[in-house]
């Protein structure tokens, strides 16, 4: 894309997360998302582990509307880092679009932010087909220039664009006017929490058996519909036969569940898996060769006795610690 001063694009940031084989279909949420596509904005805001990315990835997979995805991270806190990804995402759908904005962005002198925003808005409005753009993990963004571009898009929304912001907390925008005009949809933590029925179905998919109502009530009270809590629960129970007994003796307070489950999961893993998890935790995105690099002899504090390919196979089987980023399942985060 031209200017060497601009950040090189990491294409895996444009991949939608792949879904696990035991993904739980949640039609009522899909219906909400479909209903809101004629509005400028959908906000999906909830803490980590409630299934925001999984829900949105499944929705886009089933949608007939052209769509694009950007997985944001802390490196995107600069307009010259953020905007190339936005341009690339849109141009992956409409290759001839946003040419003037691209020229302005890569000019020797960056124009004022408002000029850049107006060019972007006008060119998005020239696209004559509706499309969806998901900005995932928006909580990483704290740069005012990036917030400024998004704020302008929300104040003057192009007719073609349905923007989706997914974040662990609300972005710093004034949503009052959009709410008052019914121009945005919102999915919150209470919407993402699994119901009793969904919790039961989720466990039945994993274990091939139904749990009685008393056990389900205990689990619902302790995990409170938290998707990652349920997955951690399942991982901690693999190979165990006393499932009801395990669930009944989880600590009652929700704030202890994470510590308890992670302790149960990590402490029972083989040492080579523990070492690999610790060594690769520094990587935002990785494949087998990157795992081999950080886990090669003398590369770190931990002794890794397995190859990157075997490690990724284990991660795929566990379906907990990673999200595949491409159809070939070579890249993960």
C-alpha atoms as a PDB file:
ATOM      1  CA  UNK A   1       0.000   0.000   0.000  1.00  0.00           C
ATOM      2  CA  UNK A   2       2.794   2.393  -0.660  1.00  0.00           C
ATOM      3  CA  UNK A   3       4.240   4.509   2.165  1.00  0.00           C
ATOM      4  CA  UNK A   4       6.947   2.745   4.128  1.00  0.00           C
ATOM      5  CA  UNK A   5       6.141   4.858   7.192  1.00  0.00           C
ATOM      6  CA  UNK A   6       2.778   3.153   7.494  1.00  0.00           C
ATOM      7  CA  UNK A   7       2.321  -0.091   9.349  1.00  0.00           C
ATOM      8  CA  UNK A   8       2.409  -3.234   7.193  1.00  0.00           C
ATOM      9  CA  UNK A   9      -0.893  -5.034   7.095  1.00  0.00           C
ATOM     10  CA  UNK A  10      -1.293  -8.310   8.952  1.00  0.00           C
ATOM     11  CA  UNK A  11      -3.862 -10.126   6.856  1.00  0.00           C
ATOM     12  CA  UNK A  12      -4.959 -12.459   9.638  1.00  0.00           C
ATOM     13  CA  UNK A  13      -6.543  -9.428  11.345  1.00  0.00           C
ATOM     14  CA  UNK A  14      -9.089  -9.465   8.516  1.00  0.00           C
ATOM     15  CA  UNK A  15     -10.111 -13.098   9.074  1.00  0.00           C
ATOM     16  CA  UNK A  16     -13.342 -13.905  10.831  1.00  0.00           C
ATOM     17  CA  UNK A  17     -12.914 -16.342  13.737  1.00  0.00           C
ATOM     18  CA  UNK A  18     -13.717 -19.911  12.767  1.00  0.00           C
ATOM     19  CA  UNK A  19     -16.458 -21.722  14.670  1.00  0.00           C
ATOM     20  CA  UNK A  20     -16.027 -24.855  16.751  1.00  0.00           C
ATOM     21  CA  UNK A  21     -17.919 -27.979  15.768  1.00  0.00           C
ATOM     22  CA  UNK A  22     -20.025 -27.697  18.935  1.00  0.00           C
ATOM     23  CA  UNK A  23     -21.040 -24.108  18.386  1.00  0.00           C
ATOM     24  CA  UNK A  24     -24.402 -23.378  20.026  1.00  0.00           C
ATOM     25  CA  UNK A  25     -26.862 -21.793  17.618  1.00  0.00           C
ATOM     26  CA  UNK A  26     -28.684 -18.808  19.185  1.00  0.00           C
ATOM     27  CA  UNK A  27     -31.392 -17.865  16.734  1.00  0.00           C
ATOM     28  CA  UNK A  28     -32.991 -15.068  18.754  1.00  0.00           C
ATOM     29  CA  UNK A  29     -29.716 -13.121  18.763  1.00  0.00           C
ATOM     30  CA  UNK A  30     -29.210 -13.751  15.047  1.00  0.00           C
ATOM     31  CA  UNK A  31     -32.731 -12.422  14.456  1.00  0.00           C
ATOM     32  CA  UNK A  32     -31.889  -9.237  16.364  1.00  0.00           C
ATOM     33  CA  UNK A  33     -28.715  -8.704  14.357  1.00  0.00           C
ATOM     34  CA  UNK A  34     -30.546  -9.260  11.079  1.00  0.00           C
ATOM     35  CA  UNK A  35     -33.300  -6.834  12.082  1.00  0.00           C
ATOM     36  CA  UNK A  36     -30.796  -4.084  12.847  1.00  0.00           C
ATOM     37  CA  UNK A  37     -28.858  -4.139   9.557  1.00  0.00           C
ATOM     38  CA  UNK A  38     -30.825  -1.156   8.236  1.00  0.00           C
ATOM     39  CA  UNK A  39     -29.587   0.909  11.177  1.00  0.00           C
ATOM     40  CA  UNK A  40     -26.146   2.571  11.120  1.00  0.00           C
ATOM     41  CA  UNK A  41     -24.777   0.796  14.201  1.00  0.00           C
ATOM     42  CA  UNK A  42     -24.906  -2.336  16.315  1.00  0.00           C
ATOM     43  CA  UNK A  43     -23.011  -2.345  19.608  1.00  0.00           C
ATOM     44  CA  UNK A  44     -22.097  -5.676  21.224  1.00  0.00           C
ATOM     45  CA  UNK A  45     -20.693  -4.880  24.662  1.00  0.00           C
ATOM     46  CA  UNK A  46     -19.843  -7.465  27.333  1.00  0.00           C
ATOM     47  CA  UNK A  47     -16.819  -8.658  29.335  1.00  0.00           C
ATOM     48  CA  UNK A  48     -14.408 -11.296  28.061  1.00  0.00           C
ATOM     49  CA  UNK A  49     -15.685 -14.789  27.471  1.00  0.00           C
ATOM     50  CA  UNK A  50     -19.357 -14.123  26.732  1.00  0.00           C
ATOM     51  CA  UNK A  51     -19.200 -15.178  23.089  1.00  0.00           C
ATOM     52  CA  UNK A  52     -19.264 -11.806  21.300  1.00  0.00           C
ATOM     53  CA  UNK A  53     -16.884 -12.801  18.506  1.00  0.00           C
ATOM     54  CA  UNK A  54     -18.429 -16.260  18.135  1.00  0.00           C
ATOM     55  CA  UNK A  55     -21.925 -14.808  17.781  1.00  0.00           C
ATOM     56  CA  UNK A  56     -20.863 -12.233  15.205  1.00  0.00           C
ATOM     57  CA  UNK A  57     -18.779 -14.719  13.217  1.00  0.00           C
ATOM     58  CA  UNK A  58     -21.726 -17.130  12.995  1.00  0.00           C
ATOM     59  CA  UNK A  59     -24.077 -14.314  12.022  1.00  0.00           C
ATOM     60  CA  UNK A  60     -21.838 -13.170   9.174  1.00  0.00           C
ATOM     61  CA  UNK A  61     -21.410 -16.750   8.017  1.00  0.00           C
ATOM     62  CA  UNK A  62     -25.185 -17.068   7.630  1.00  0.00           C
ATOM     63  CA  UNK A  63     -25.843 -13.557   6.283  1.00  0.00           C
ATOM     64  CA  UNK A  64     -26.504 -12.802   2.628  1.00  0.00           C
ATOM     65  CA  UNK A  65     -25.177  -9.247   3.074  1.00  0.00           C
ATOM     66  CA  UNK A  66     -21.543  -8.626   2.010  1.00  0.00           C
ATOM     67  CA  UNK A  67     -19.411  -8.287   5.123  1.00  0.00           C
ATOM     68  CA  UNK A  68     -15.883  -7.641   6.338  1.00  0.00           C
ATOM     69  CA  UNK A  69     -14.097  -8.069   9.650  1.00  0.00           C
ATOM     70  CA  UNK A  70     -11.205  -6.378  11.479  1.00  0.00           C
ATOM     71  CA  UNK A  71      -9.719  -7.816  14.681  1.00  0.00           C
ATOM     72  CA  UNK A  72      -8.305  -4.792  16.472  1.00  0.00           C
ATOM     73  CA  UNK A  73      -5.440  -4.763  18.938  1.00  0.00           C
ATOM     74  CA  UNK A  74      -3.286  -2.241  20.802  1.00  0.00           C
ATOM     75  CA  UNK A  75      -1.140  -1.651  17.705  1.00  0.00           C
ATOM     76  CA  UNK A  76      -4.087   0.076  15.998  1.00  0.00           C
ATOM     77  CA  UNK A  77      -3.955   3.172  18.220  1.00  0.00           C
ATOM     78  CA  UNK A  78      -2.901   5.495  15.440  1.00  0.00           C
ATOM     79  CA  UNK A  79      -4.879   6.645  12.440  1.00  0.00           C
ATOM     80  CA  UNK A  80      -2.059   5.525  10.101  1.00  0.00           C
ATOM     81  CA  UNK A  81      -2.231   2.053  11.625  1.00  0.00           C
ATOM     82  CA  UNK A  82      -6.023   1.792  11.893  1.00  0.00           C
ATOM     83  CA  UNK A  83      -7.263   3.305   8.647  1.00  0.00           C
ATOM     84  CA  UNK A  84      -5.274   1.048   6.258  1.00  0.00           C
ATOM     85  CA  UNK A  85      -7.104  -1.940   7.755  1.00  0.00           C
ATOM     86  CA  UNK A  86     -10.459  -0.239   7.314  1.00  0.00           C
ATOM     87  CA  UNK A  87      -9.628   0.582   3.688  1.00  0.00           C
ATOM     88  CA  UNK A  88      -8.388  -2.949   3.010  1.00  0.00           C
ATOM     89  CA  UNK A  89     -11.487  -4.498   4.599  1.00  0.00           C
ATOM     90  CA  UNK A  90     -13.882  -2.401   2.516  1.00  0.00           C
ATOM     91  CA  UNK A  91     -11.836  -2.788  -0.666  1.00  0.00           C
ATOM     92  CA  UNK A  92     -11.899  -6.575  -0.209  1.00  0.00           C
ATOM     93  CA  UNK A  93     -15.632  -6.230  -0.947  1.00  0.00           C
ATOM     94  CA  UNK A  94     -15.548  -3.263  -3.327  1.00  0.00           C
ATOM     95  CA  UNK A  95     -12.083  -3.089  -4.937  1.00  0.00           C
ATOM     96  CA  UNK A  96     -12.617   0.243  -6.720  1.00  0.00           C
ATOM     97  CA  UNK A  97     -13.867   2.081  -3.646  1.00  0.00           C
ATOM     98  CA  UNK A  98     -12.177   4.619  -1.312  1.00  0.00           C
ATOM     99  CA  UNK A  99      -9.506   5.677  -3.801  1.00  0.00           C
ATOM    100  CA  UNK A 100      -9.484   9.340  -2.768  1.00  0.00           C
ATOM    101  CA  UNK A 101      -9.309   8.473   0.927  1.00  0.00           C
ATOM    102  CA  UNK A 102      -6.424   6.112   0.215  1.00  0.00           C
ATOM    103  CA  UNK A 103      -4.595   8.880  -1.664  1.00  0.00           C
ATOM    104  CA  UNK A 104      -5.097  11.304   1.241  1.00  0.00           C
ATOM    105  CA  UNK A 105      -3.911   8.744   3.785  1.00  0.00           C
ATOM    106  CA  UNK A 106      -0.690   8.013   1.902  1.00  0.00           C
ATOM    107  CA  UNK A 107       0.073  11.622   0.981  1.00  0.00           C
ATOM    108  CA  UNK A 108       3.387  13.044   2.292  1.00  0.00           C
ATOM    109  CA  UNK A 109       1.428  15.269   4.665  1.00  0.00           C
ATOM    110  CA  UNK A 110      -1.624  13.797   6.350  1.00  0.00           C
ATOM    111  CA  UNK A 111      -4.625  16.137   5.959  1.00  0.00           C
ATOM    112  CA  UNK A 112      -6.705  17.299   8.934  1.00  0.00           C
ATOM    113  CA  UNK A 113      -8.686  14.487  10.514  1.00  0.00           C
ATOM    114  CA  UNK A 114     -12.041  16.007   9.532  1.00  0.00           C
ATOM    115  CA  UNK A 115     -11.012  16.165   5.865  1.00  0.00           C
ATOM    116  CA  UNK A 116      -9.985  12.523   6.008  1.00  0.00           C
ATOM    117  CA  UNK A 117     -13.238  11.561   7.719  1.00  0.00           C
ATOM    118  CA  UNK A 118     -15.404  13.465   5.235  1.00  0.00           C
ATOM    119  CA  UNK A 119     -13.612  11.834   2.299  1.00  0.00           C
ATOM    120  CA  UNK A 120     -14.176   8.410   3.859  1.00  0.00           C
ATOM    121  CA  UNK A 121     -17.854   9.084   4.548  1.00  0.00           C
ATOM    122  CA  UNK A 122     -18.519  10.460   1.052  1.00  0.00           C
ATOM    123  CA  UNK A 123     -16.811   7.525  -0.636  1.00  0.00           C
ATOM    124  CA  UNK A 124     -18.591   4.986   1.557  1.00  0.00           C
ATOM    125  CA  UNK A 125     -21.854   6.679   0.624  1.00  0.00           C
ATOM    126  CA  UNK A 126     -21.038   6.194  -3.060  1.00  0.00           C
ATOM    127  CA  UNK A 127     -21.086   2.423  -2.600  1.00  0.00           C
ATOM    128  CA  UNK A 128     -24.492   1.383  -3.909  1.00  0.00           C
ATOM    129  CA  UNK A 129     -24.723  -1.932  -2.053  1.00  0.00           C
ATOM    130  CA  UNK A 130     -25.352  -2.420   1.657  1.00  0.00           C
ATOM    131  CA  UNK A 131     -22.566  -4.106   3.620  1.00  0.00           C
ATOM    132  CA  UNK A 132     -21.531  -4.922   7.181  1.00  0.00           C
ATOM    133  CA  UNK A 133     -18.213  -3.993   8.782  1.00  0.00           C
ATOM    134  CA  UNK A 134     -17.314  -5.529  12.159  1.00  0.00           C
ATOM    135  CA  UNK A 135     -14.667  -3.873  14.324  1.00  0.00           C
ATOM    136  CA  UNK A 136     -13.924  -6.599  16.870  1.00  0.00           C
ATOM    137  CA  UNK A 137     -12.146  -5.942  20.201  1.00  0.00           C
ATOM    138  CA  UNK A 138     -12.700  -2.191  19.969  1.00  0.00           C
ATOM    139  CA  UNK A 139     -11.790  -1.939  23.680  1.00  0.00           C
ATOM    140  CA  UNK A 140      -8.139  -1.919  22.589  1.00  0.00           C
ATOM    141  CA  UNK A 141      -8.609   1.520  21.020  1.00  0.00           C
ATOM    142  CA  UNK A 142      -7.811   4.595  23.108  1.00  0.00           C
ATOM    143  CA  UNK A 143      -6.442   6.878  20.393  1.00  0.00           C
ATOM    144  CA  UNK A 144      -8.475  10.053  19.885  1.00  0.00           C
ATOM    145  CA  UNK A 145      -7.867  10.212  16.132  1.00  0.00           C
ATOM    146  CA  UNK A 146      -9.339   6.714  15.664  1.00  0.00           C
ATOM    147  CA  UNK A 147     -12.253   7.568  17.947  1.00  0.00           C
ATOM    148  CA  UNK A 148     -12.671  10.759  15.913  1.00  0.00           C
ATOM    149  CA  UNK A 149     -13.025   8.908  12.607  1.00  0.00           C
ATOM    150  CA  UNK A 150     -15.598   6.488  14.059  1.00  0.00           C
ATOM    151  CA  UNK A 151     -17.461   9.350  15.739  1.00  0.00           C
ATOM    152  CA  UNK A 152     -17.785  11.154  12.403  1.00  0.00           C
ATOM    153  CA  UNK A 153     -19.064   7.950  10.792  1.00  0.00           C
ATOM    154  CA  UNK A 154     -21.727   7.665  13.490  1.00  0.00           C
ATOM    155  CA  UNK A 155     -22.736  11.333  13.247  1.00  0.00           C
ATOM    156  CA  UNK A 156     -22.977  11.219   9.440  1.00  0.00           C
ATOM    157  CA  UNK A 157     -23.643   7.546   8.641  1.00  0.00           C
ATOM    158  CA  UNK A 158     -23.337   6.448   5.008  1.00  0.00           C
ATOM    159  CA  UNK A 159     -26.455   4.685   3.758  1.00  0.00           C
ATOM    160  CA  UNK A 160     -24.483   1.662   2.575  1.00  0.00           C
ATOM    161  CA  UNK A 161     -22.691   0.872   5.840  1.00  0.00           C
ATOM    162  CA  UNK A 162     -23.859  -1.088   8.854  1.00  0.00           C
ATOM    163  CA  UNK A 163     -21.097  -0.760  11.442  1.00  0.00           C
ATOM    164  CA  UNK A 164     -20.729  -3.288  14.272  1.00  0.00           C
ATOM    165  CA  UNK A 165     -18.586  -2.449  17.299  1.00  0.00           C
ATOM    166  CA  UNK A 166     -17.705  -5.359  19.581  1.00  0.00           C
ATOM    167  CA  UNK A 167     -16.039  -4.407  22.853  1.00  0.00           C
ATOM    168  CA  UNK A 168     -15.523  -5.437  26.472  1.00  0.00           C
ATOM    169  CA  UNK A 169     -16.855  -2.030  27.502  1.00  0.00           C
ATOM    170  CA  UNK A 170     -18.710   0.822  25.846  1.00  0.00           C
ATOM    171  CA  UNK A 171     -16.617   2.972  23.499  1.00  0.00           C
ATOM    172  CA  UNK A 172     -16.456   6.689  24.393  1.00  0.00           C
ATOM    173  CA  UNK A 173     -19.153   7.864  21.992  1.00  0.00           C
ATOM    174  CA  UNK A 174     -22.362   9.671  22.756  1.00  0.00           C
ATOM    175  CA  UNK A 175     -24.977   7.106  21.766  1.00  0.00           C
ATOM    176  CA  UNK A 176     -27.922   9.125  23.052  1.00  0.00           C
ATOM    177  CA  UNK A 177     -29.000  10.552  19.714  1.00  0.00           C
ATOM    178  CA  UNK A 178     -28.680   7.215  17.926  1.00  0.00           C
ATOM    179  CA  UNK A 179     -30.726   5.513  20.643  1.00  0.00           C
ATOM    180  CA  UNK A 180     -33.387   8.227  20.578  1.00  0.00           C
ATOM    181  CA  UNK A 181     -33.722   7.888  16.813  1.00  0.00           C
ATOM    182  CA  UNK A 182     -33.692   4.095  16.951  1.00  0.00           C
ATOM    183  CA  UNK A 183     -30.602   4.091  14.773  1.00  0.00           C
ATOM    184  CA  UNK A 184     -28.657   1.503  16.747  1.00  0.00           C
ATOM    185  CA  UNK A 185     -29.078  -1.978  18.165  1.00  0.00           C
ATOM    186  CA  UNK A 186     -27.439  -3.196  21.362  1.00  0.00           C
ATOM    187  CA  UNK A 187     -26.505  -6.625  22.700  1.00  0.00           C
ATOM    188  CA  UNK A 188     -25.390  -6.639  26.323  1.00  0.00           C
ATOM    189  CA  UNK A 189     -24.046  -9.180  28.785  1.00  0.00           C
ATOM    190  CA  UNK A 190     -27.546 -10.119  29.949  1.00  0.00           C
ATOM    191  CA  UNK A 191     -28.433 -10.966  26.349  1.00  0.00           C
ATOM    192  CA  UNK A 192     -25.306 -13.085  25.840  1.00  0.00           C
ATOM    193  CA  UNK A 193     -25.675 -15.096  29.048  1.00  0.00           C
ATOM    194  CA  UNK A 194     -26.803 -18.646  28.369  1.00  0.00           C
ATOM    195  CA  UNK A 195     -30.300 -19.436  29.548  1.00  0.00           C
ATOM    196  CA  UNK A 196     -30.998 -22.625  31.507  1.00  0.00           C
ATOM    197  CA  UNK A 197     -32.158 -24.286  28.303  1.00  0.00           C
ATOM    198  CA  UNK A 198     -29.043 -23.187  26.399  1.00  0.00           C
ATOM    199  CA  UNK A 199     -26.760 -24.314  29.218  1.00  0.00           C
ATOM    200  CA  UNK A 200     -28.411 -27.724  29.182  1.00  0.00           C
ATOM    201  CA  UNK A 201     -28.135 -28.015  25.415  1.00  0.00           C
ATOM    202  CA  UNK A 202     -24.482 -26.922  25.518  1.00  0.00           C
ATOM    203  CA  UNK A 203     -23.594 -29.616  28.063  1.00  0.00           C
ATOM    204  CA  UNK A 204     -25.650 -32.236  26.238  1.00  0.00           C
ATOM    205  CA  UNK A 205     -23.692 -31.539  23.053  1.00  0.00           C
ATOM    206  CA  UNK A 206     -20.422 -32.006  24.919  1.00  0.00           C
ATOM    207  CA  UNK A 207     -21.249 -35.051  27.053  1.00  0.00           C
ATOM    208  CA  UNK A 208     -24.087 -36.711  25.161  1.00  0.00           C
ATOM    209  CA  UNK A 209     -26.272 -36.834  28.256  1.00  0.00           C
ATOM    210  CA  UNK A 210     -28.874 -34.781  30.041  1.00  0.00           C
ATOM    211  CA  UNK A 211     -28.233 -33.504  33.555  1.00  0.00           C
ATOM    212  CA  UNK A 212     -31.044 -33.401  36.071  1.00  0.00           C
ATOM    213  CA  UNK A 213     -32.682 -30.085  36.985  1.00  0.00           C
ATOM    214  CA  UNK A 214     -31.006 -29.847  40.403  1.00  0.00           C
ATOM    215  CA  UNK A 215     -27.507 -30.063  38.889  1.00  0.00           C
ATOM    216  CA  UNK A 216     -28.447 -27.610  36.127  1.00  0.00           C
ATOM    217  CA  UNK A 217     -29.737 -25.097  38.700  1.00  0.00           C
ATOM    218  CA  UNK A 218     -26.454 -25.318  40.615  1.00  0.00           C
ATOM    219  CA  UNK A 219     -24.403 -24.771  37.470  1.00  0.00           C
ATOM    220  CA  UNK A 220     -26.584 -21.904  36.281  1.00  0.00           C
ATOM    221  CA  UNK A 221     -26.285 -20.150  39.645  1.00  0.00           C
ATOM    222  CA  UNK A 222     -22.515 -20.537  39.784  1.00  0.00           C
ATOM    223  CA  UNK A 223     -21.544 -19.815  36.175  1.00  0.00           C
ATOM    224  CA  UNK A 224     -24.417 -17.384  35.488  1.00  0.00           C
ATOM    225  CA  UNK A 225     -24.562 -18.119  31.768  1.00  0.00           C
ATOM    226  CA  UNK A 226     -20.897 -17.264  31.175  1.00  0.00           C
ATOM    227  CA  UNK A 227     -19.871 -19.094  27.986  1.00  0.00           C
ATOM    228  CA  UNK A 228     -16.163 -19.403  28.778  1.00  0.00           C
ATOM    229  CA  UNK A 229     -17.006 -20.533  32.313  1.00  0.00           C
ATOM    230  CA  UNK A 230     -19.052 -23.365  30.810  1.00  0.00           C
ATOM    231  CA  UNK A 231     -16.258 -24.324  28.423  1.00  0.00           C
ATOM    232  CA  UNK A 232     -13.728 -24.284  31.263  1.00  0.00           C
ATOM    233  CA  UNK A 233     -16.121 -26.412  33.271  1.00  0.00           C
ATOM    234  CA  UNK A 234     -16.313 -28.933  30.452  1.00  0.00           C
ATOM    235  CA  UNK A 235     -12.538 -29.053  30.062  1.00  0.00           C
ATOM    236  CA  UNK A 236     -12.047 -29.623  33.783  1.00  0.00           C
ATOM    237  CA  UNK A 237     -14.494 -32.559  33.673  1.00  0.00           C
ATOM    238  CA  UNK A 238     -12.965 -34.399  30.714  1.00  0.00           C
ATOM    239  CA  UNK A 239     -12.422 -38.054  31.555  1.00  0.00           C
ATOM    240  CA  UNK A 240     -14.336 -37.799  34.836  1.00  0.00           C
ATOM    241  CA  UNK A 241     -17.381 -39.908  35.639  1.00  0.00           C
ATOM    242  CA  UNK A 242     -18.589 -38.051  38.753  1.00  0.00           C
ATOM    243  CA  UNK A 243     -19.808 -35.035  36.785  1.00  0.00           C
ATOM    244  CA  UNK A 244     -22.723 -34.145  39.051  1.00  0.00           C
ATOM    245  CA  UNK A 245     -20.451 -34.316  42.100  1.00  0.00           C
ATOM    246  CA  UNK A 246     -17.901 -31.976  40.497  1.00  0.00           C
ATOM    247  CA  UNK A 247     -20.543 -29.406  39.577  1.00  0.00           C
ATOM    248  CA  UNK A 248     -22.115 -29.541  43.038  1.00  0.00           C
ATOM    249  CA  UNK A 249     -18.821 -28.705  44.754  1.00  0.00           C
ATOM    250  CA  UNK A 250     -17.788 -25.678  42.695  1.00  0.00           C
ATOM    251  CA  UNK A 251     -17.309 -22.588  44.889  1.00  0.00           C
ATOM    252  CA  UNK A 252     -20.547 -20.592  45.026  1.00  0.00           C
ATOM    253  CA  UNK A 253     -19.236 -17.039  44.484  1.00  0.00           C
ATOM    254  CA  UNK A 254     -18.923 -16.230  40.784  1.00  0.00           C
ATOM    255  CA  UNK A 255     -15.659 -14.308  41.237  1.00  0.00           C
ATOM    256  CA  UNK A 256     -13.916 -17.521  42.361  1.00  0.00           C
ATOM    257  CA  UNK A 257     -15.032 -19.679  39.458  1.00  0.00           C
ATOM    258  CA  UNK A 258     -12.364 -18.483  37.047  1.00  0.00           C
ATOM    259  CA  UNK A 259      -9.518 -19.095  39.492  1.00  0.00           C
ATOM    260  CA  UNK A 260     -10.920 -22.467  40.457  1.00  0.00           C
ATOM    261  CA  UNK A 261     -11.457 -23.713  36.931  1.00  0.00           C
ATOM    262  CA  UNK A 262      -8.153 -22.448  35.550  1.00  0.00           C
ATOM    263  CA  UNK A 263      -6.347 -24.030  38.477  1.00  0.00           C
ATOM    264  CA  UNK A 264      -8.186 -27.284  37.850  1.00  0.00           C
ATOM    265  CA  UNK A 265      -7.512 -27.172  34.107  1.00  0.00           C
ATOM    266  CA  UNK A 266      -3.905 -25.988  34.061  1.00  0.00           C
ATOM    267  CA  UNK A 267      -2.709 -28.053  36.994  1.00  0.00           C
ATOM    268  CA  UNK A 268      -4.018 -31.258  35.407  1.00  0.00           C
ATOM    269  CA  UNK A 269      -2.450 -30.704  32.009  1.00  0.00           C
ATOM    270  CA  UNK A 270       0.734 -32.517  30.995  1.00  0.00           C
ATOM    271  CA  UNK A 271       3.878 -30.536  31.808  1.00  0.00           C
ATOM    272  CA  UNK A 272       4.806 -30.126  28.133  1.00  0.00           C
ATOM    273  CA  UNK A 273       1.403 -28.531  27.444  1.00  0.00           C
ATOM    274  CA  UNK A 274       1.791 -26.192  30.435  1.00  0.00           C
ATOM    275  CA  UNK A 275       5.238 -25.145  29.176  1.00  0.00           C
ATOM    276  CA  UNK A 276       3.915 -24.566  25.682  1.00  0.00           C
ATOM    277  CA  UNK A 277       0.994 -22.459  26.915  1.00  0.00           C
ATOM    278  CA  UNK A 278       3.316 -20.278  28.986  1.00  0.00           C
ATOM    279  CA  UNK A 279       5.881 -19.907  26.189  1.00  0.00           C
ATOM    280  CA  UNK A 280       3.367 -19.033  23.473  1.00  0.00           C
ATOM    281  CA  UNK A 281       1.308 -16.671  25.652  1.00  0.00           C
ATOM    282  CA  UNK A 282       3.470 -13.770  24.365  1.00  0.00           C
ATOM    283  CA  UNK A 283       2.100 -14.208  20.812  1.00  0.00           C
ATOM    284  CA  UNK A 284      -1.010 -12.350  19.644  1.00  0.00           C
ATOM    285  CA  UNK A 285      -1.336 -14.624  16.613  1.00  0.00           C
ATOM    286  CA  UNK A 286       0.607 -17.740  15.794  1.00  0.00           C
ATOM    287  CA  UNK A 287       1.061 -20.750  13.566  1.00  0.00           C
ATOM    288  CA  UNK A 288       3.083 -23.938  13.987  1.00  0.00           C
ATOM    289  CA  UNK A 289       6.376 -22.404  12.842  1.00  0.00           C
ATOM    290  CA  UNK A 290       6.046 -19.431  15.215  1.00  0.00           C
ATOM    291  CA  UNK A 291       5.364 -21.856  18.064  1.00  0.00           C
ATOM    292  CA  UNK A 292       8.502 -23.770  17.121  1.00  0.00           C
ATOM    293  CA  UNK A 293      10.500 -20.521  17.141  1.00  0.00           C
ATOM    294  CA  UNK A 294       9.505 -19.366  20.620  1.00  0.00           C
ATOM    295  CA  UNK A 295       9.691 -22.900  22.025  1.00  0.00           C
ATOM    296  CA  UNK A 296      13.010 -23.953  20.507  1.00  0.00           C
ATOM    297  CA  UNK A 297      15.785 -25.009  22.921  1.00  0.00           C
ATOM    298  CA  UNK A 298      17.322 -22.006  24.645  1.00  0.00           C
ATOM    299  CA  UNK A 299      14.583 -19.605  23.490  1.00  0.00           C
ATOM    300  CA  UNK A 300      12.832 -19.206  26.833  1.00  0.00           C
ATOM    301  CA  UNK A 301      12.452 -20.239  30.450  1.00  0.00           C
ATOM    302  CA  UNK A 302      10.427 -23.370  29.772  1.00  0.00           C
ATOM    303  CA  UNK A 303      11.393 -26.715  28.316  1.00  0.00           C
ATOM    304  CA  UNK A 304       9.101 -27.518  25.387  1.00  0.00           C
ATOM    305  CA  UNK A 305       9.289 -31.145  24.282  1.00  0.00           C
ATOM    306  CA  UNK A 306       6.722 -31.146  21.490  1.00  0.00           C
ATOM    307  CA  UNK A 307       6.513 -29.580  18.065  1.00  0.00           C
ATOM    308  CA  UNK A 308       4.281 -26.686  17.053  1.00  0.00           C
ATOM    309  CA  UNK A 309       2.111 -28.903  14.848  1.00  0.00           C
ATOM    310  CA  UNK A 310       1.374 -31.311  17.709  1.00  0.00           C
ATOM    311  CA  UNK A 311       0.661 -28.383  20.019  1.00  0.00           C
ATOM    312  CA  UNK A 312      -1.871 -26.908  17.583  1.00  0.00           C
ATOM    313  CA  UNK A 313      -3.548 -30.297  17.240  1.00  0.00           C
ATOM    314  CA  UNK A 314      -3.969 -30.365  21.018  1.00  0.00           C
ATOM    315  CA  UNK A 315      -5.396 -26.832  20.993  1.00  0.00           C
ATOM    316  CA  UNK A 316      -7.868 -27.814  18.282  1.00  0.00           C
ATOM    317  CA  UNK A 317      -9.008 -30.772  20.374  1.00  0.00           C
ATOM    318  CA  UNK A 318      -9.426 -28.696  23.529  1.00  0.00           C
ATOM    319  CA  UNK A 319     -11.403 -25.965  21.691  1.00  0.00           C
ATOM    320  CA  UNK A 320     -10.714 -23.584  24.566  1.00  0.00           C
ATOM    321  CA  UNK A 321      -7.505 -21.657  24.361  1.00  0.00           C
ATOM    322  CA  UNK A 322      -7.492 -20.530  20.732  1.00  0.00           C
ATOM    323  CA  UNK A 323      -9.641 -19.256  17.877  1.00  0.00           C
ATOM    324  CA  UNK A 324      -8.683 -20.420  14.337  1.00  0.00           C
ATOM    325  CA  UNK A 325      -8.266 -17.467  11.978  1.00  0.00           C
ATOM    326  CA  UNK A 326      -8.444 -19.117   8.560  1.00  0.00           C
ATOM    327  CA  UNK A 327     -10.220 -21.957   6.809  1.00  0.00           C
ATOM    328  CA  UNK A 328      -6.967 -23.918   6.480  1.00  0.00           C
ATOM    329  CA  UNK A 329      -6.534 -23.729  10.280  1.00  0.00           C
ATOM    330  CA  UNK A 330      -2.920 -22.614  10.041  1.00  0.00           C
ATOM    331  CA  UNK A 331      -3.200 -19.349  11.985  1.00  0.00           C
ATOM    332  CA  UNK A 332      -4.668 -18.933  15.471  1.00  0.00           C
ATOM    333  CA  UNK A 333      -5.089 -16.377  18.208  1.00  0.00           C
END
